[in-house]
């Protein structure tokens, strides 16, 4: 065999060996990619299953009862709170509902951006309705977003609100409005510490007696609000009935006469918070703040459809 033929044969053999090695390498890569993809899919399926389970798992009666008992064991409780941890305010005073008036409940956290948007859109309307005896308003401060601040902002503002509700309820709504003011409410994604004195100043600006404001920022009732944080989300009647948070409690949560009010329906109906609430209550905007002009749904009716 000539030397040229030997070289060509060697070259072909080398090419064949290189091709074989490349194919083997590609098979190994494909196998590895397949394994990785399979592992990722398994992880996603497991995560999806866990999230579905978490959203749809039944809350055991004993879990709710244990949380309720934990609240009962807290030594210092706010005397004005109802059995579910809310503070009812009306034109009659703290804890004194107006007969035949609808009851609006709001569950809030002062770090919650959605709560801030809700209150900035509703507070003036709520104040007018409460002052005229047209609704009973029940406030439920929560503090589960403490984890998003470096100084327990949610529980500090929550307990301050509770103290003001107990000792100066006439200025509770203005104080809440000040805490949710756009130039005061902190950003949950870029939190900067807010001192107790700044919270105190917001109370004083709202008309709260300075002596009450001084005491409000001392963290009284912190153990109680934390116990309520564990209890409240277990109440099924507060769970989102639809959407990505179905089966979970989120803030803000609003109920009207004990009926869950879906805030997501507002945008679908092209309504803002104020006009949406008034439509749900059955009251014309021109009647807000007019004593004797009562919402059509009364004290027991369901909220009217927004569509």
Protein backbone atom coordinates (compact mmCIF):
# COMPACT_ATOMS: atom_id res chain seq x y z
CA UNK A 1 0.00 0.00 0.00
CA UNK A 2 1.36 3.40 -0.94
CA UNK A 3 2.19 5.88 1.73
CA UNK A 4 -0.52 8.24 0.42
CA UNK A 5 -3.21 5.60 0.78
CA UNK A 6 -2.02 4.80 4.30
CA UNK A 7 -2.26 8.48 5.25
CA UNK A 8 -5.79 8.77 3.84
CA UNK A 9 -6.86 5.61 5.65
CA UNK A 10 -5.38 6.90 8.90
CA UNK A 11 -7.11 10.24 8.42
CA UNK A 12 -10.48 8.55 7.79
CA UNK A 13 -9.99 6.38 10.84
CA UNK A 14 -9.17 9.44 12.93
CA UNK A 15 -12.24 11.26 11.61
CA UNK A 16 -14.42 8.25 12.41
CA UNK A 17 -13.00 8.05 15.91
CA UNK A 18 -13.56 11.79 16.42
CA UNK A 19 -17.15 11.45 15.16
CA UNK A 20 -17.74 8.51 17.49
CA UNK A 21 -16.34 10.43 20.46
CA UNK A 22 -18.41 13.52 19.57
CA UNK A 23 -21.60 11.45 19.31
CA UNK A 24 -20.85 9.82 22.65
CA UNK A 25 -20.23 13.25 24.17
CA UNK A 26 -23.51 14.59 22.74
CA UNK A 27 -25.40 11.56 24.07
CA UNK A 28 -23.94 12.19 27.53
CA UNK A 29 -24.89 15.88 27.30
CA UNK A 30 -28.40 15.04 26.15
CA UNK A 31 -28.73 12.54 28.96
CA UNK A 32 -27.53 15.13 31.47
CA UNK A 33 -29.87 17.78 30.05
CA UNK A 34 -32.72 15.29 30.20
CA UNK A 35 -31.92 14.50 33.82
CA UNK A 36 -31.76 18.20 34.71
CA UNK A 37 -35.01 18.98 32.89
CA UNK A 38 -36.69 16.05 34.60
CA UNK A 39 -35.43 17.19 38.00
CA UNK A 40 -36.64 20.75 37.33
CA UNK A 41 -40.05 19.49 36.22
CA UNK A 42 -40.31 17.29 39.30
CA UNK A 43 -39.36 20.26 41.50
CA UNK A 44 -41.92 22.51 39.77
CA UNK A 45 -44.62 19.87 40.09
CA UNK A 46 -43.76 19.39 43.75
CA UNK A 47 -43.78 23.16 44.34
CA UNK A 48 -47.08 23.53 42.51
CA UNK A 49 -48.52 20.68 44.53
CA UNK A 50 -47.32 22.24 47.76
CA UNK A 51 -48.74 25.66 46.85
CA UNK A 52 -52.05 24.08 45.87
CA UNK A 53 -52.11 22.09 49.10
CA UNK A 54 -51.26 25.17 51.13
CA UNK A 55 -54.02 27.17 49.45
CA UNK A 56 -56.64 24.45 49.69
CA UNK A 57 -55.66 22.53 52.81
CA UNK A 58 -58.40 22.30 55.40
CA UNK A 59 -57.70 24.22 58.57
CA UNK A 60 -58.20 21.86 61.44
CA UNK A 61 -60.72 22.99 64.01
CA UNK A 62 -58.15 22.41 66.73
CA UNK A 63 -55.65 24.72 64.95
CA UNK A 64 -58.14 27.56 65.01
CA UNK A 65 -59.11 26.77 68.58
CA UNK A 66 -55.47 26.62 69.69
CA UNK A 67 -54.84 30.02 68.11
CA UNK A 68 -57.94 31.37 69.83
CA UNK A 69 -56.74 30.02 73.16
CA UNK A 70 -53.32 31.60 72.61
CA UNK A 71 -55.03 34.97 72.21
CA UNK A 72 -57.02 34.36 75.39
CA UNK A 73 -53.83 33.62 77.32
CA UNK A 74 -52.24 37.00 76.52
CA UNK A 75 -52.11 38.91 79.78
CA UNK A 76 -52.66 42.43 78.48
CA UNK A 77 -55.49 42.78 75.99
CA UNK A 78 -57.22 45.91 74.68
CA UNK A 79 -60.57 46.04 76.43
CA UNK A 80 -62.33 47.69 73.47
CA UNK A 81 -61.50 44.91 70.98
CA UNK A 82 -64.30 42.60 69.91
CA UNK A 83 -63.98 38.80 70.03
CA UNK A 84 -62.24 38.77 66.64
CA UNK A 85 -59.77 41.55 67.45
CA UNK A 86 -61.55 44.49 65.84
CA UNK A 87 -62.36 47.99 67.07
CA UNK A 88 -65.81 49.25 66.14
CA UNK A 89 -66.24 52.99 65.75
CA UNK A 90 -69.43 54.83 64.91
CA UNK A 91 -71.15 58.15 65.47
CA UNK A 92 -72.28 56.71 68.81
CA UNK A 93 -68.73 56.09 70.00
CA UNK A 94 -66.27 53.23 70.43
CA UNK A 95 -67.90 49.81 70.51
CA UNK A 96 -71.42 51.25 70.08
CA UNK A 97 -72.95 50.25 66.73
CA UNK A 98 -75.61 52.34 65.05
CA UNK A 99 -78.81 50.35 64.58
CA UNK A 100 -79.81 49.69 60.96
CA UNK A 101 -76.41 50.83 59.65
CA UNK A 102 -74.22 48.51 57.55
CA UNK A 103 -70.97 47.32 59.11
CA UNK A 104 -67.75 47.67 57.13
CA UNK A 105 -64.71 45.75 58.37
CA UNK A 106 -61.14 46.46 57.23
CA UNK A 107 -58.13 44.26 58.02
CA UNK A 108 -54.90 46.19 57.57
CA UNK A 109 -51.14 46.28 58.02
CA UNK A 110 -49.43 49.66 57.96
CA UNK A 111 -46.59 48.37 55.76
CA UNK A 112 -49.05 46.99 53.21
CA UNK A 113 -49.01 49.05 49.97
CA UNK A 114 -52.46 47.82 48.97
CA UNK A 115 -53.79 48.96 52.34
CA UNK A 116 -52.26 52.37 51.76
CA UNK A 117 -53.89 52.69 48.35
CA UNK A 118 -57.23 51.58 49.79
CA UNK A 119 -57.18 54.08 52.62
CA UNK A 120 -55.92 56.98 50.54
CA UNK A 121 -58.87 56.34 48.25
CA UNK A 122 -61.42 55.74 50.99
CA UNK A 123 -60.57 57.61 54.18
CA UNK A 124 -62.49 60.82 53.49
CA UNK A 125 -65.56 58.79 52.48
CA UNK A 126 -65.27 56.54 55.55
CA UNK A 127 -64.98 59.57 57.83
CA UNK A 128 -68.11 61.14 56.34
CA UNK A 129 -70.07 57.91 56.62
CA UNK A 130 -69.00 57.25 60.21
CA UNK A 131 -69.61 60.81 61.41
CA UNK A 132 -73.13 60.82 59.94
CA UNK A 133 -74.03 57.46 61.46
CA UNK A 134 -74.33 55.85 58.03
CA UNK A 135 -71.99 52.92 58.73
CA UNK A 136 -70.33 51.12 61.58
CA UNK A 137 -66.62 50.75 60.85
CA UNK A 138 -64.51 47.98 62.38
CA UNK A 139 -60.73 48.33 62.21
CA UNK A 140 -58.47 45.27 62.51
CA UNK A 141 -54.77 46.24 62.82
CA UNK A 142 -52.30 43.47 61.94
CA UNK A 143 -48.51 43.22 62.00
CA UNK A 144 -47.50 40.22 59.90
CA UNK A 145 -45.28 42.43 57.68
CA UNK A 146 -42.81 43.11 60.49
CA UNK A 147 -40.41 40.84 58.58
CA UNK A 148 -40.12 43.48 55.84
CA UNK A 149 -38.81 46.17 58.18
CA UNK A 150 -35.70 46.34 60.34
CA UNK A 151 -37.49 47.73 63.39
CA UNK A 152 -40.89 45.97 63.63
CA UNK A 153 -42.67 48.88 61.97
CA UNK A 154 -45.95 47.01 61.48
CA UNK A 155 -46.34 46.04 65.13
CA UNK A 156 -45.25 49.48 66.35
CA UNK A 157 -47.84 51.27 64.22
CA UNK A 158 -50.41 48.55 64.87
CA UNK A 159 -50.10 48.82 68.64
CA UNK A 160 -50.07 52.63 68.42
CA UNK A 161 -53.36 52.45 66.51
CA UNK A 162 -54.83 50.13 69.13
CA UNK A 163 -53.81 52.48 71.93
CA UNK A 164 -55.36 55.48 70.16
CA UNK A 165 -58.54 53.46 69.53
CA UNK A 166 -58.71 52.72 73.25
CA UNK A 167 -57.90 56.19 74.56
CA UNK A 168 -58.80 58.72 71.83
CA UNK A 169 -61.17 57.03 69.35
CA UNK A 170 -62.40 60.34 67.94
CA UNK A 171 -59.00 60.79 66.31
CA UNK A 172 -58.46 57.20 65.22
CA UNK A 173 -59.40 57.67 61.56
CA UNK A 174 -57.28 60.82 61.08
CA UNK A 175 -54.34 58.97 62.67
CA UNK A 176 -54.79 56.01 60.32
CA UNK A 177 -54.97 58.42 57.38
CA UNK A 178 -51.70 60.04 58.49
CA UNK A 179 -49.94 56.68 58.75
CA UNK A 180 -51.04 55.84 55.22
CA UNK A 181 -50.14 59.27 53.79
CA UNK A 182 -48.13 58.83 50.60
CA UNK A 183 -45.27 60.92 51.98
CA UNK A 184 -45.13 58.87 55.19
CA UNK A 185 -45.95 55.20 54.56
CA UNK A 186 -42.67 53.31 54.04
CA UNK A 187 -41.80 51.29 50.96
CA UNK A 188 -41.94 47.58 51.74
CA UNK A 189 -39.20 46.85 49.18
CA UNK A 190 -36.86 49.65 50.27
CA UNK A 191 -37.49 50.19 53.96
CA UNK A 192 -35.77 52.95 55.91
CA UNK A 193 -36.19 53.02 59.71
CA UNK A 194 -38.99 55.19 61.09
CA UNK A 195 -38.65 56.25 64.70
CA UNK A 196 -41.34 56.10 67.35
CA UNK A 197 -41.17 59.87 67.55
CA UNK A 198 -42.18 60.18 63.88
CA UNK A 199 -45.15 57.90 64.52
CA UNK A 200 -45.98 59.97 67.58
CA UNK A 201 -45.89 63.16 65.50
CA UNK A 202 -48.36 61.66 63.01
CA UNK A 203 -50.72 61.00 65.91
CA UNK A 204 -50.41 64.54 67.23
CA UNK A 205 -50.99 65.96 63.72
CA UNK A 206 -54.21 63.93 63.66
CA UNK A 207 -55.39 65.66 66.82
CA UNK A 208 -54.47 62.92 69.28
CA UNK A 209 -53.73 64.25 72.76
CA UNK A 210 -49.91 64.45 73.14
CA UNK A 211 -50.06 62.45 76.38
CA UNK A 212 -51.97 59.69 74.58
CA UNK A 213 -49.53 59.86 71.67
CA UNK A 214 -46.59 59.47 74.08
CA UNK A 215 -48.05 56.26 75.47
CA UNK A 216 -49.23 54.97 72.09
CA UNK A 217 -45.69 54.33 70.83
CA UNK A 218 -44.52 52.31 73.84
CA UNK A 219 -45.47 48.95 72.33
CA UNK A 220 -48.29 48.06 74.65
CA UNK A 221 -50.45 45.18 73.32
CA UNK A 222 -47.60 43.78 71.17
CA UNK A 223 -48.07 40.25 72.50
CA UNK A 224 -51.77 40.52 71.76
CA UNK A 225 -51.39 41.73 68.16
CA UNK A 226 -48.89 38.95 67.47
CA UNK A 227 -51.33 36.37 68.82
CA UNK A 228 -54.02 37.86 66.58
CA UNK A 229 -51.63 37.60 63.60
CA UNK A 230 -51.58 33.83 64.15
CA UNK A 231 -55.34 33.53 64.70
CA UNK A 232 -56.88 35.82 62.09
CA UNK A 233 -55.51 34.15 58.90
CA UNK A 234 -57.06 30.84 60.01
CA UNK A 235 -60.57 32.23 59.75
CA UNK A 236 -61.98 30.80 56.51
CA UNK A 237 -64.45 33.63 56.08
CA UNK A 238 -61.48 35.95 55.45
CA UNK A 239 -59.90 33.85 52.71
CA UNK A 240 -59.76 35.09 49.12
CA UNK A 241 -62.49 33.27 47.17
CA UNK A 242 -60.68 33.55 43.82
CA UNK A 243 -57.47 34.56 42.10
CA UNK A 244 -53.85 33.66 42.85
CA UNK A 245 -54.44 34.04 46.60
CA UNK A 246 -57.52 31.84 46.67
CA UNK A 247 -57.78 30.06 49.99
CA UNK A 248 -55.51 32.51 51.80
CA UNK A 249 -56.06 35.64 53.83
CA UNK A 250 -54.31 38.80 52.62
CA UNK A 251 -54.44 42.49 53.46
CA UNK A 252 -56.33 44.59 52.82
CA UNK A 253 -59.40 42.46 53.47
CA UNK A 254 -62.79 44.18 53.45
CA UNK A 255 -66.12 42.75 54.54
CA UNK A 256 -69.55 44.34 54.35
CA UNK A 257 -72.20 43.01 56.75
CA UNK A 258 -70.06 39.92 57.20
CA UNK A 259 -69.74 39.28 53.45
CA UNK A 260 -66.31 39.13 51.81
CA UNK A 261 -65.98 42.07 49.41
CA UNK A 262 -63.69 41.33 46.46
CA UNK A 263 -61.59 44.41 45.76
CA UNK A 264 -60.55 42.99 42.40
CA UNK A 265 -64.09 43.58 41.13
CA UNK A 266 -63.55 47.34 41.33
CA UNK A 267 -61.13 47.54 38.41
CA UNK A 268 -63.25 45.16 36.35
CA UNK A 269 -66.23 47.46 36.93
CA UNK A 270 -64.17 50.59 36.22
CA UNK A 271 -64.76 51.99 39.71
CA UNK A 272 -62.46 53.57 42.27
CA UNK A 273 -62.52 52.61 45.95
CA UNK A 274 -64.96 55.30 47.04
CA UNK A 275 -67.51 54.96 44.24
CA UNK A 276 -67.26 51.17 44.49
CA UNK A 277 -67.94 51.11 48.21
CA UNK A 278 -70.88 53.48 47.89
CA UNK A 279 -72.37 51.38 45.09
CA UNK A 280 -71.95 48.25 47.21
CA UNK A 281 -73.67 49.97 50.14
CA UNK A 282 -76.45 51.40 48.01
CA UNK A 283 -75.79 55.07 48.76
CA UNK A 284 -75.43 57.97 46.37
CA UNK A 285 -72.25 60.04 46.57
CA UNK A 286 -74.31 63.17 47.25
CA UNK A 287 -75.68 61.56 50.43
CA UNK A 288 -72.32 60.90 52.08
CA UNK A 289 -72.24 62.70 55.41
CA UNK A 290 -75.98 63.42 55.40
CA UNK A 291 -77.49 62.27 58.69
CA UNK A 292 -80.58 60.13 58.22
CA UNK A 293 -79.67 59.13 54.66
CA UNK A 294 -78.99 55.44 55.20
CA UNK A 295 -77.42 52.94 52.78
CA UNK A 296 -80.00 50.77 51.05
CA UNK A 297 -78.52 47.44 52.17
CA UNK A 298 -79.16 48.23 55.83
CA UNK A 299 -77.57 46.30 58.68
CA UNK A 300 -77.98 42.82 57.21
CA UNK A 301 -78.13 43.07 53.43
CA UNK A 302 -75.44 41.76 51.11
CA UNK A 303 -73.24 44.24 49.23
CA UNK A 304 -74.74 45.19 45.90
CA UNK A 305 -73.15 44.00 42.67
CA UNK A 306 -70.70 46.41 41.05
CA UNK A 307 -71.52 45.31 37.51
